[in-house]
Amino acid sequence: MLSKSAIEDAHARIAPHIRRTPVMDSNGDFCDHDTHLSLKLELFQHTGSFKPRGAFNNLLTRPVPQAGIAAASGGNHGAAVAFAAARLGHKAKIFVPEISSQAKQAKIREAGADLVVEGALYADALALCNTYQQQTGAMTIHAYDAEETIAGQGTLALEWLQQSGPLDTLLVAAGGGGLIAGILLACQDVCRVVSVEPEGSCCLAQALQAGRPVNVDVDSIAADSLGAQSLGKLSFEICQKHLHRAITVPDSAILETQKAIWQKLQIITEPGGATALSALVHGAYIPEPGERIGVLLCGANAESGVF
């Protein structure tokens, strides 16, 4: 059963295989000086995103068949699964859509996985992956709608709160919902959690409005990391119960924030990695006086030359 204790168990399990990524205070850089801002730099995780946490938790809790591992991904999950599989001695086949960035595809290949680039969106890659699994018996690792994935992703929140001290609100980018669901479980009764999504790819906000996961159009510069067509069922149940607020931001705000992060911190983020902070930069989230805010920078796999 998914719970905070499951996340604590996952953290103990995966700790030897992941990086404990740093936290930095950034007061005055992106909001008023009286707002304490804690940035969790999860983009410094192996493969450039938070995804190895869920990948390792899957591989360390489930038996891997002779056929190996399969995963569908916009790019970051695939790179993480490929990396974790190589570290643990398993073969992997990764399916990504054509919108997946060259930077992410390169990381998958570098890890030694067999890469298939086909289909327009993540949903197309997922369908191909499911067909492959049925034909071969490979173990699939879902990018977001699996208990092991959610528990693994939630481990970053345990670290964050240990490193930063008390926080009032966390701003977290949401795609299919695995990351934010894990964070919500880890932070129950500790702080508020606010989701941030691109206006052109907001399956969480639309699921909450409809009262159930629904298929949405995907059209955003962050689609290769936040481009799920539908929110995961497990994540929906958790978000419906615990999420404080769902925010959407335009692509222009995400691009502006990418540039601001580089100019102020000399850190390169991909669009999905800058999305949560864009809620502050764009004014979609306005802190209360003295509020202690945490913002997750979750992905670094931008195309070379963007900046």
C-alpha atoms as a PDB file:
ATOM      1  CA  MET A   1       0.000   0.000   0.000  1.00  0.00           C
ATOM      2  CA  LEU A   2       1.228   3.493  -0.813  1.00  0.00           C
ATOM      3  CA  SER A   3       2.021   5.456   2.329  1.00  0.00           C
ATOM      4  CA  LYS A   4       4.714   7.600   3.886  1.00  0.00           C
ATOM      5  CA  SER A   5       6.239   4.457   5.409  1.00  0.00           C
ATOM      6  CA  ALA A   6       6.470   2.911   1.917  1.00  0.00           C
ATOM      7  CA  ILE A   7       8.416   5.975   0.803  1.00  0.00           C
ATOM      8  CA  GLU A   8      10.716   5.713   3.819  1.00  0.00           C
ATOM      9  CA  ASP A   9      11.346   2.049   2.960  1.00  0.00           C
ATOM     10  CA  ALA A  10      12.021   3.000  -0.653  1.00  0.00           C
ATOM     11  CA  HIS A  11      14.540   5.617   0.431  1.00  0.00           C
ATOM     12  CA  ALA A  12      16.501   3.123   2.516  1.00  0.00           C
ATOM     13  CA  ARG A  13      16.432   0.719  -0.439  1.00  0.00           C
ATOM     14  CA  ILE A  14      17.658   3.083  -3.147  1.00  0.00           C
ATOM     15  CA  ALA A  15      19.999   5.303  -1.106  1.00  0.00           C
ATOM     16  CA  PRO A  16      23.191   3.455  -2.167  1.00  0.00           C
ATOM     17  CA  HIS A  17      22.299   3.967  -5.843  1.00  0.00           C
ATOM     18  CA  ILE A  18      21.230   7.638  -6.022  1.00  0.00           C
ATOM     19  CA  ARG A  19      22.660  11.055  -5.285  1.00  0.00           C
ATOM     20  CA  ARG A  20      21.468  13.074  -2.303  1.00  0.00           C
ATOM     21  CA  THR A  21      20.953  16.215  -4.352  1.00  0.00           C
ATOM     22  CA  PRO A  22      21.651  19.634  -2.847  1.00  0.00           C
ATOM     23  CA  VAL A  23      19.273  22.300  -1.590  1.00  0.00           C
ATOM     24  CA  MET A  24      20.063  25.990  -1.857  1.00  0.00           C
ATOM     25  CA  ASP A  25      18.418  29.092  -0.449  1.00  0.00           C
ATOM     26  CA  SER A  26      17.666  31.643  -3.145  1.00  0.00           C
ATOM     27  CA  ASN A  27      16.056  34.489  -1.221  1.00  0.00           C
ATOM     28  CA  GLY A  28      15.476  37.569  -3.363  1.00  0.00           C
ATOM     29  CA  ASP A  29      16.418  35.969  -6.669  1.00  0.00           C
ATOM     30  CA  PHE A  30      12.936  35.098  -7.947  1.00  0.00           C
ATOM     31  CA  CYS A  31      10.575  36.700  -5.412  1.00  0.00           C
ATOM     32  CA  ASP A  32      10.569  39.276  -2.590  1.00  0.00           C
ATOM     33  CA  HIS A  33      13.372  39.205  -0.030  1.00  0.00           C
ATOM     34  CA  ASP A  34      10.948  38.465   2.825  1.00  0.00           C
ATOM     35  CA  THR A  35       9.973  35.177   1.155  1.00  0.00           C
ATOM     36  CA  HIS A  36      12.275  32.306   2.079  1.00  0.00           C
ATOM     37  CA  LEU A  37      12.897  30.276  -1.099  1.00  0.00           C
ATOM     38  CA  SER A  38      14.386  26.789  -0.953  1.00  0.00           C
ATOM     39  CA  LEU A  39      15.387  25.206  -4.270  1.00  0.00           C
ATOM     40  CA  LYS A  40      15.795  21.411  -4.385  1.00  0.00           C
ATOM     41  CA  LEU A  41      18.328  20.829  -7.169  1.00  0.00           C
ATOM     42  CA  GLU A  42      17.141  17.400  -8.244  1.00  0.00           C
ATOM     43  CA  LEU A  43      18.342  18.154 -11.761  1.00  0.00           C
ATOM     44  CA  PHE A  44      21.781  17.109 -10.424  1.00  0.00           C
ATOM     45  CA  GLN A  45      20.511  13.551  -9.953  1.00  0.00           C
ATOM     46  CA  HIS A  46      21.981  10.790 -12.117  1.00  0.00           C
ATOM     47  CA  THR A  47      20.849  11.246 -15.774  1.00  0.00           C
ATOM     48  CA  GLY A  48      19.721  14.831 -15.070  1.00  0.00           C
ATOM     49  CA  SER A  49      16.307  14.287 -13.460  1.00  0.00           C
ATOM     50  CA  PHE A  50      14.537  12.771 -10.440  1.00  0.00           C
ATOM     51  CA  LYS A  51      13.560   9.671 -12.416  1.00  0.00           C
ATOM     52  CA  PRO A  52      16.305   7.254 -11.215  1.00  0.00           C
ATOM     53  CA  ARG A  53      14.615   7.159  -7.811  1.00  0.00           C
ATOM     54  CA  GLY A  54      11.548   5.410  -9.190  1.00  0.00           C
ATOM     55  CA  ALA A  55      13.577   3.308 -11.621  1.00  0.00           C
ATOM     56  CA  PHE A  56      15.825   1.879  -8.913  1.00  0.00           C
ATOM     57  CA  ASN A  57      12.899   1.271  -6.563  1.00  0.00           C
ATOM     58  CA  ASN A  58      11.180  -0.801  -9.257  1.00  0.00           C
ATOM     59  CA  LEU A  59      14.275  -2.834 -10.074  1.00  0.00           C
ATOM     60  CA  LEU A  60      15.140  -3.480  -6.428  1.00  0.00           C
ATOM     61  CA  THR A  61      11.661  -4.719  -5.476  1.00  0.00           C
ATOM     62  CA  ARG A  62      10.458  -6.679  -8.514  1.00  0.00           C
ATOM     63  CA  PRO A  63      11.934  -9.802 -10.138  1.00  0.00           C
ATOM     64  CA  VAL A  64      13.402  -9.087 -13.563  1.00  0.00           C
ATOM     65  CA  PRO A  65      12.641 -11.773 -16.216  1.00  0.00           C
ATOM     66  CA  GLN A  66      15.086 -13.123 -18.763  1.00  0.00           C
ATOM     67  CA  ALA A  67      13.519 -10.845 -21.381  1.00  0.00           C
ATOM     68  CA  GLY A  68      14.737  -7.817 -19.422  1.00  0.00           C
ATOM     69  CA  ILE A  69      13.092  -4.455 -18.942  1.00  0.00           C
ATOM     70  CA  ALA A  70      10.949  -2.220 -21.131  1.00  0.00           C
ATOM     71  CA  ALA A  71       9.828   1.351 -20.591  1.00  0.00           C
ATOM     72  CA  ALA A  72       8.011   4.088 -22.468  1.00  0.00           C
ATOM     73  CA  SER A  73       9.123   7.634 -21.860  1.00  0.00           C
ATOM     74  CA  GLY A  74       9.289  11.186 -23.078  1.00  0.00           C
ATOM     75  CA  GLY A  75      13.016  10.829 -22.418  1.00  0.00           C
ATOM     76  CA  ASN A  76      13.929  11.344 -18.759  1.00  0.00           C
ATOM     77  CA  HIS A  77      12.267   8.168 -17.460  1.00  0.00           C
ATOM     78  CA  GLY A  78      13.854   6.186 -20.282  1.00  0.00           C
ATOM     79  CA  ALA A  79      17.309   7.534 -19.465  1.00  0.00           C
ATOM     80  CA  ALA A  80      16.779   6.671 -15.801  1.00  0.00           C
ATOM     81  CA  VAL A  81      15.582   3.125 -16.506  1.00  0.00           C
ATOM     82  CA  ALA A  82      18.474   2.571 -18.902  1.00  0.00           C
ATOM     83  CA  PHE A  83      20.942   3.857 -16.304  1.00  0.00           C
ATOM     84  CA  ALA A  84      19.485   1.793 -13.441  1.00  0.00           C
ATOM     85  CA  ALA A  85      19.295  -1.328 -15.592  1.00  0.00           C
ATOM     86  CA  ALA A  86      22.943  -0.983 -16.603  1.00  0.00           C
ATOM     87  CA  ARG A  87      24.036  -0.449 -12.985  1.00  0.00           C
ATOM     88  CA  LEU A  88      22.166  -3.581 -11.885  1.00  0.00           C
ATOM     89  CA  GLY A  89      23.155  -5.732 -14.850  1.00  0.00           C
ATOM     90  CA  HIS A  90      19.894  -5.933 -16.812  1.00  0.00           C
ATOM     91  CA  LYS A  91      19.147  -5.329 -20.487  1.00  0.00           C
ATOM     92  CA  ALA A  92      16.608  -2.635 -21.345  1.00  0.00           C
ATOM     93  CA  LYS A  93      14.523  -1.542 -24.336  1.00  0.00           C
ATOM     94  CA  ILE A  94      13.233   2.028 -24.247  1.00  0.00           C
ATOM     95  CA  PHE A  95      10.453   3.525 -26.387  1.00  0.00           C
ATOM     96  CA  VAL A  96      10.283   7.304 -26.872  1.00  0.00           C
ATOM     97  CA  PRO A  97       8.188   9.503 -29.192  1.00  0.00           C
ATOM     98  CA  GLU A  98       9.607  11.715 -31.900  1.00  0.00           C
ATOM     99  CA  ILE A  99       9.268  14.811 -29.671  1.00  0.00           C
ATOM    100  CA  SER A 100      11.866  13.369 -27.300  1.00  0.00           C
ATOM    101  CA  SER A 101      14.938  15.616 -27.270  1.00  0.00           C
ATOM    102  CA  GLN A 102      18.217  14.511 -28.777  1.00  0.00           C
ATOM    103  CA  ALA A 103      19.886  15.126 -25.400  1.00  0.00           C
ATOM    104  CA  LYS A 104      17.633  12.570 -23.726  1.00  0.00           C
ATOM    105  CA  GLN A 105      17.949  10.047 -26.525  1.00  0.00           C
ATOM    106  CA  ALA A 106      21.732  10.316 -26.279  1.00  0.00           C
ATOM    107  CA  LYS A 107      21.653   9.477 -22.570  1.00  0.00           C
ATOM    108  CA  ILE A 108      19.550   6.384 -23.235  1.00  0.00           C
ATOM    109  CA  ARG A 109      22.004   5.164 -25.859  1.00  0.00           C
ATOM    110  CA  GLU A 110      25.006   5.982 -23.664  1.00  0.00           C
ATOM    111  CA  ALA A 111      23.568   3.731 -20.952  1.00  0.00           C
ATOM    112  CA  GLY A 112      23.536   0.835 -23.409  1.00  0.00           C
ATOM    113  CA  ALA A 113      19.783   0.415 -23.838  1.00  0.00           C
ATOM    114  CA  ASP A 114      18.070  -0.472 -27.106  1.00  0.00           C
ATOM    115  CA  LEU A 115      16.229   2.691 -28.159  1.00  0.00           C
ATOM    116  CA  VAL A 116      13.104   2.861 -30.337  1.00  0.00           C
ATOM    117  CA  VAL A 117      12.030   6.352 -31.492  1.00  0.00           C
ATOM    118  CA  GLU A 118       8.539   6.149 -32.933  1.00  0.00           C
ATOM    119  CA  GLY A 119       5.152   7.863 -32.603  1.00  0.00           C
ATOM    120  CA  ALA A 120       4.162  11.481 -32.170  1.00  0.00           C
ATOM    121  CA  LEU A 121       3.581  11.608 -28.397  1.00  0.00           C
ATOM    122  CA  TYR A 122       4.283   9.684 -25.186  1.00  0.00           C
ATOM    123  CA  ALA A 123       0.970   7.802 -25.502  1.00  0.00           C
ATOM    124  CA  ASP A 124       2.154   6.355 -28.829  1.00  0.00           C
ATOM    125  CA  ALA A 125       5.436   5.179 -27.299  1.00  0.00           C
ATOM    126  CA  LEU A 126       3.512   3.624 -24.411  1.00  0.00           C
ATOM    127  CA  ALA A 127       1.314   1.633 -26.801  1.00  0.00           C
ATOM    128  CA  LEU A 128       4.404   0.288 -28.587  1.00  0.00           C
ATOM    129  CA  CYS A 129       6.004  -0.595 -25.268  1.00  0.00           C
ATOM    130  CA  ASN A 130       2.895  -2.476 -24.133  1.00  0.00           C
ATOM    131  CA  THR A 131       2.857  -4.485 -27.370  1.00  0.00           C
ATOM    132  CA  TYR A 132       6.526  -5.372 -26.917  1.00  0.00           C
ATOM    133  CA  GLN A 133       5.892  -6.486 -23.334  1.00  0.00           C
ATOM    134  CA  GLN A 134       3.046  -8.746 -24.412  1.00  0.00           C
ATOM    135  CA  GLN A 135       5.206 -10.309 -27.119  1.00  0.00           C
ATOM    136  CA  THR A 136       8.331 -10.862 -25.021  1.00  0.00           C
ATOM    137  CA  GLY A 137       7.346 -11.014 -21.352  1.00  0.00           C
ATOM    138  CA  ALA A 138       9.700  -8.153 -20.467  1.00  0.00           C
ATOM    139  CA  MET A 139       9.086  -6.303 -17.219  1.00  0.00           C
ATOM    140  CA  THR A 140       7.678  -2.841 -17.832  1.00  0.00           C
ATOM    141  CA  ILE A 141       8.432   0.079 -15.557  1.00  0.00           C
ATOM    142  CA  HIS A 142       5.679   2.653 -15.846  1.00  0.00           C
ATOM    143  CA  ALA A 143       6.834   6.254 -15.831  1.00  0.00           C
ATOM    144  CA  TYR A 144       4.260   7.375 -13.272  1.00  0.00           C
ATOM    145  CA  ASP A 145       1.271   5.077 -12.686  1.00  0.00           C
ATOM    146  CA  ALA A 146       2.886   2.396 -10.500  1.00  0.00           C
ATOM    147  CA  GLU A 147       3.245   2.129  -6.737  1.00  0.00           C
ATOM    148  CA  GLU A 148       6.981   1.454  -6.916  1.00  0.00           C
ATOM    149  CA  THR A 149       7.518   4.482  -9.138  1.00  0.00           C
ATOM    150  CA  ILE A 150       5.480   6.810  -6.924  1.00  0.00           C
ATOM    151  CA  ALA A 151       7.217   5.631  -3.743  1.00  0.00           C
ATOM    152  CA  GLY A 152      10.634   6.077  -5.325  1.00  0.00           C
ATOM    153  CA  GLN A 153       9.926   9.610  -6.535  1.00  0.00           C
ATOM    154  CA  GLY A 154       8.567  10.600  -3.128  1.00  0.00           C
ATOM    155  CA  THR A 155      11.955   9.961  -1.537  1.00  0.00           C
ATOM    156  CA  LEU A 156      13.247  13.317  -2.726  1.00  0.00           C
ATOM    157  CA  ALA A 157      10.728  15.067  -0.453  1.00  0.00           C
ATOM    158  CA  LEU A 158      12.071  13.218   2.606  1.00  0.00           C
ATOM    159  CA  GLU A 159      15.573  14.461   1.788  1.00  0.00           C
ATOM    160  CA  TRP A 160      14.374  17.970   1.008  1.00  0.00           C
ATOM    161  CA  LEU A 161      12.638  18.532   4.337  1.00  0.00           C
ATOM    162  CA  GLN A 162      15.639  17.145   6.215  1.00  0.00           C
ATOM    163  CA  GLN A 163      17.918  19.557   4.370  1.00  0.00           C
ATOM    164  CA  SER A 164      15.790  22.694   4.354  1.00  0.00           C
ATOM    165  CA  GLY A 165      13.942  22.645   7.655  1.00  0.00           C
ATOM    166  CA  PRO A 166      10.235  23.544   7.839  1.00  0.00           C
ATOM    167  CA  LEU A 167       8.587  24.785   4.659  1.00  0.00           C
ATOM    168  CA  ASP A 168       5.030  26.085   4.229  1.00  0.00           C
ATOM    169  CA  THR A 169       4.456  25.287   0.540  1.00  0.00           C
ATOM    170  CA  LEU A 170       6.142  23.217  -2.152  1.00  0.00           C
ATOM    171  CA  LEU A 171       5.749  24.046  -5.853  1.00  0.00           C
ATOM    172  CA  VAL A 172       6.194  20.940  -8.014  1.00  0.00           C
ATOM    173  CA  ALA A 173       5.862  20.420 -11.771  1.00  0.00           C
ATOM    174  CA  ALA A 174       3.370  17.712 -12.729  1.00  0.00           C
ATOM    175  CA  GLY A 175       3.190  15.446 -15.767  1.00  0.00           C
ATOM    176  CA  GLY A 176       1.567  12.040 -15.348  1.00  0.00           C
ATOM    177  CA  GLY A 177       1.498  12.549 -11.590  1.00  0.00           C
ATOM    178  CA  GLY A 178       3.985  10.040 -10.185  1.00  0.00           C
ATOM    179  CA  LEU A 179       6.344  12.654  -8.764  1.00  0.00           C
ATOM    180  CA  ILE A 180       3.767  14.892  -7.178  1.00  0.00           C
ATOM    181  CA  ALA A 181       1.819  11.925  -5.775  1.00  0.00           C
ATOM    182  CA  GLY A 182       4.948  10.657  -4.033  1.00  0.00           C
ATOM    183  CA  ILE A 183       5.710  14.113  -2.660  1.00  0.00           C
ATOM    184  CA  LEU A 184       2.142  14.483  -1.397  1.00  0.00           C
ATOM    185  CA  LEU A 185       2.392  11.219   0.528  1.00  0.00           C
ATOM    186  CA  ALA A 186       5.777  12.158   1.980  1.00  0.00           C
ATOM    187  CA  CYS A 187       4.570  15.611   3.055  1.00  0.00           C
ATOM    188  CA  GLN A 188       1.186  14.783   4.576  1.00  0.00           C
ATOM    189  CA  ASP A 189       0.394  17.113   7.492  1.00  0.00           C
ATOM    190  CA  VAL A 190       3.808  18.798   7.055  1.00  0.00           C
ATOM    191  CA  CYS A 191       3.321  21.377   4.288  1.00  0.00           C
ATOM    192  CA  ARG A 192       1.085  22.323   1.375  1.00  0.00           C
ATOM    193  CA  VAL A 193       1.878  21.039  -2.124  1.00  0.00           C
ATOM    194  CA  VAL A 194       0.937  22.987  -5.266  1.00  0.00           C
ATOM    195  CA  SER A 195       1.169  21.485  -8.758  1.00  0.00           C
ATOM    196  CA  VAL A 196       2.389  23.540 -11.723  1.00  0.00           C
ATOM    197  CA  GLU A 197       1.701  22.497 -15.330  1.00  0.00           C
ATOM    198  CA  PRO A 198       2.028  24.083 -18.774  1.00  0.00           C
ATOM    199  CA  GLU A 199      -1.263  25.446 -20.096  1.00  0.00           C
ATOM    200  CA  GLY A 200      -0.853  23.255 -23.167  1.00  0.00           C
ATOM    201  CA  SER A 201      -0.269  20.056 -21.195  1.00  0.00           C
ATOM    202  CA  CYS A 202      -2.241  20.004 -17.956  1.00  0.00           C
ATOM    203  CA  CYS A 203      -3.778  16.590 -17.376  1.00  0.00           C
ATOM    204  CA  LEU A 204      -3.737  17.026 -13.580  1.00  0.00           C
ATOM    205  CA  ALA A 205      -5.645  20.304 -13.541  1.00  0.00           C
ATOM    206  CA  GLN A 206      -8.184  18.954 -16.028  1.00  0.00           C
ATOM    207  CA  ALA A 207      -8.588  15.681 -14.105  1.00  0.00           C
ATOM    208  CA  LEU A 208      -9.371  17.576 -10.917  1.00  0.00           C
ATOM    209  CA  GLN A 209     -11.875  19.737 -12.771  1.00  0.00           C
ATOM    210  CA  ALA A 210     -13.574  16.702 -14.350  1.00  0.00           C
ATOM    211  CA  GLY A 211     -13.468  14.588 -11.201  1.00  0.00           C
ATOM    212  CA  ARG A 212     -11.559  11.795 -12.986  1.00  0.00           C
ATOM    213  CA  PRO A 213      -8.555  11.332 -15.280  1.00  0.00           C
ATOM    214  CA  VAL A 214      -9.379  12.503 -18.808  1.00  0.00           C
ATOM    215  CA  ASN A 215      -7.446  12.588 -22.076  1.00  0.00           C
ATOM    216  CA  VAL A 216      -6.078  16.033 -22.875  1.00  0.00           C
ATOM    217  CA  ASP A 217      -4.392  17.655 -25.834  1.00  0.00           C
ATOM    218  CA  VAL A 218      -0.622  17.956 -25.469  1.00  0.00           C
ATOM    219  CA  ASP A 219       1.015  21.034 -26.990  1.00  0.00           C
ATOM    220  CA  SER A 220       3.817  22.572 -24.946  1.00  0.00           C
ATOM    221  CA  ILE A 221       7.556  23.165 -25.056  1.00  0.00           C
ATOM    222  CA  ALA A 222       7.701  20.931 -21.958  1.00  0.00           C
ATOM    223  CA  ALA A 223       5.805  18.041 -23.593  1.00  0.00           C
ATOM    224  CA  ASP A 224       8.801  15.692 -23.632  1.00  0.00           C
ATOM    225  CA  SER A 225       8.805  15.668 -19.810  1.00  0.00           C
ATOM    226  CA  LEU A 226       5.322  16.894 -18.807  1.00  0.00           C
ATOM    227  CA  GLY A 227       3.413  15.512 -21.776  1.00  0.00           C
ATOM    228  CA  ALA A 228       1.224  12.753 -20.357  1.00  0.00           C
ATOM    229  CA  GLN A 229      -2.096  12.579 -22.172  1.00  0.00           C
ATOM    230  CA  SER A 230      -3.906  11.420 -19.039  1.00  0.00           C
ATOM    231  CA  LEU A 231      -3.127  11.553 -15.319  1.00  0.00           C
ATOM    232  CA  GLY A 232      -2.315   8.206 -13.686  1.00  0.00           C
ATOM    233  CA  LYS A 233      -5.185   6.627 -11.757  1.00  0.00           C
ATOM    234  CA  LEU A 234      -3.136   6.142  -8.598  1.00  0.00           C
ATOM    235  CA  SER A 235      -1.891   9.716  -8.743  1.00  0.00           C
ATOM    236  CA  PHE A 236      -5.397  11.082  -9.268  1.00  0.00           C
ATOM    237  CA  GLU A 237      -6.653   9.496  -6.053  1.00  0.00           C
ATOM    238  CA  ILE A 238      -3.752  10.929  -4.076  1.00  0.00           C
ATOM    239  CA  CYS A 239      -3.940  14.394  -5.677  1.00  0.00           C
ATOM    240  CA  GLN A 240      -7.694  14.613  -5.264  1.00  0.00           C
ATOM    241  CA  LYS A 241      -7.294  13.960  -1.549  1.00  0.00           C
ATOM    242  CA  HIS A 242      -4.153  15.902  -0.667  1.00  0.00           C
ATOM    243  CA  LEU A 243      -3.240  18.519  -3.325  1.00  0.00           C
ATOM    244  CA  HIS A 244      -3.596  22.101  -2.096  1.00  0.00           C
ATOM    245  CA  ARG A 245      -3.897  23.786  -5.493  1.00  0.00           C
ATOM    246  CA  ALA A 246      -3.291  23.192  -9.217  1.00  0.00           C
ATOM    247  CA  ILE A 247      -1.714  25.996 -11.287  1.00  0.00           C
ATOM    248  CA  THR A 248      -1.064  26.301 -15.025  1.00  0.00           C
ATOM    249  CA  VAL A 249       1.444  28.599 -16.726  1.00  0.00           C
ATOM    250  CA  PRO A 250       2.029  29.596 -20.370  1.00  0.00           C
ATOM    251  CA  ASP A 251       5.040  28.376 -22.323  1.00  0.00           C
ATOM    252  CA  SER A 252       6.319  31.962 -22.449  1.00  0.00           C
ATOM    253  CA  ALA A 253       6.643  31.952 -18.646  1.00  0.00           C
ATOM    254  CA  ILE A 254       8.565  28.673 -18.730  1.00  0.00           C
ATOM    255  CA  LEU A 255      11.011  30.056 -21.312  1.00  0.00           C
ATOM    256  CA  GLU A 256      11.438  33.257 -19.295  1.00  0.00           C
ATOM    257  CA  THR A 257      12.178  31.221 -16.182  1.00  0.00           C
ATOM    258  CA  GLN A 258      14.715  28.992 -17.954  1.00  0.00           C
ATOM    259  CA  LYS A 259      16.630  32.136 -18.887  1.00  0.00           C
ATOM    260  CA  ALA A 260      16.300  33.617 -15.393  1.00  0.00           C
ATOM    261  CA  ILE A 261      17.674  30.455 -13.761  1.00  0.00           C
ATOM    262  CA  TRP A 262      20.673  30.590 -16.068  1.00  0.00           C
ATOM    263  CA  GLN A 263      21.248  34.325 -15.575  1.00  0.00           C
ATOM    264  CA  LYS A 264      20.924  34.257 -11.767  1.00  0.00           C
ATOM    265  CA  LEU A 265      22.251  30.804 -10.858  1.00  0.00           C
ATOM    266  CA  GLN A 266      24.210  29.653 -13.945  1.00  0.00           C
ATOM    267  CA  ILE A 267      22.168  26.436 -13.923  1.00  0.00           C
ATOM    268  CA  ILE A 268      20.746  24.966 -17.135  1.00  0.00           C
ATOM    269  CA  THR A 269      17.237  23.535 -16.903  1.00  0.00           C
ATOM    270  CA  GLU A 270      15.001  21.919 -19.468  1.00  0.00           C
ATOM    271  CA  PRO A 271      11.494  23.410 -19.861  1.00  0.00           C
ATOM    272  CA  GLY A 272       9.927  20.856 -17.512  1.00  0.00           C
ATOM    273  CA  GLY A 273      12.633  21.553 -14.955  1.00  0.00           C
ATOM    274  CA  ALA A 274      11.836  25.283 -14.944  1.00  0.00           C
ATOM    275  CA  THR A 275       8.048  24.902 -14.871  1.00  0.00           C
ATOM    276  CA  ALA A 276       7.520  24.892 -11.094  1.00  0.00           C
ATOM    277  CA  LEU A 277       9.596  28.043 -10.566  1.00  0.00           C
ATOM    278  CA  SER A 278       7.780  29.777 -13.418  1.00  0.00           C
ATOM    279  CA  ALA A 279       4.702  29.977 -11.176  1.00  0.00           C
ATOM    280  CA  LEU A 280       6.641  32.426  -8.984  1.00  0.00           C
ATOM    281  CA  VAL A 281       8.366  34.279 -11.814  1.00  0.00           C
ATOM    282  CA  HIS A 282       5.116  34.663 -13.781  1.00  0.00           C
ATOM    283  CA  GLY A 283       3.044  35.606 -10.718  1.00  0.00           C
ATOM    284  CA  ALA A 284       0.714  32.618 -10.959  1.00  0.00           C
ATOM    285  CA  TYR A 285       1.592  31.878  -7.334  1.00  0.00           C
ATOM    286  CA  ILE A 286       1.953  34.873  -5.012  1.00  0.00           C
ATOM    287  CA  PRO A 287       3.464  34.015  -1.620  1.00  0.00           C
ATOM    288  CA  GLU A 288       2.020  35.349   1.604  1.00  0.00           C
ATOM    289  CA  PRO A 289       4.306  37.656   3.630  1.00  0.00           C
ATOM    290  CA  GLY A 290       6.997  35.588   5.300  1.00  0.00           C
ATOM    291  CA  GLU A 291       5.922  32.352   3.603  1.00  0.00           C
ATOM    292  CA  ARG A 292       8.595  29.664   3.317  1.00  0.00           C
ATOM    293  CA  ILE A 293       8.459  28.294  -0.237  1.00  0.00           C
ATOM    294  CA  GLY A 294      10.141  25.237  -1.689  1.00  0.00           C
ATOM    295  CA  VAL A 295      10.511  24.883  -5.469  1.00  0.00           C
ATOM    296  CA  LEU A 296      11.703  21.726  -7.204  1.00  0.00           C
ATOM    297  CA  LEU A 297      14.076  22.060 -10.163  1.00  0.00           C
ATOM    298  CA  CYS A 298      13.506  18.583 -11.531  1.00  0.00           C
ATOM    299  CA  GLY A 299      15.225  18.287 -14.911  1.00  0.00           C
ATOM    300  CA  ALA A 300      18.371  19.504 -16.667  1.00  0.00           C
ATOM    301  CA  ASN A 301      18.249  17.790 -20.055  1.00  0.00           C
ATOM    302  CA  ALA A 302      17.988  20.801 -22.337  1.00  0.00           C
ATOM    303  CA  GLU A 303      19.236  20.726 -25.912  1.00  0.00           C
ATOM    304  CA  SER A 304      22.768  22.072 -26.262  1.00  0.00           C
ATOM    305  CA  GLY A 305      22.829  25.652 -27.487  1.00  0.00           C
ATOM    306  CA  VAL A 306      19.502  26.679 -25.903  1.00  0.00           C
ATOM    307  CA  PHE A 307      21.249  29.326 -23.827  1.00  0.00           C
END
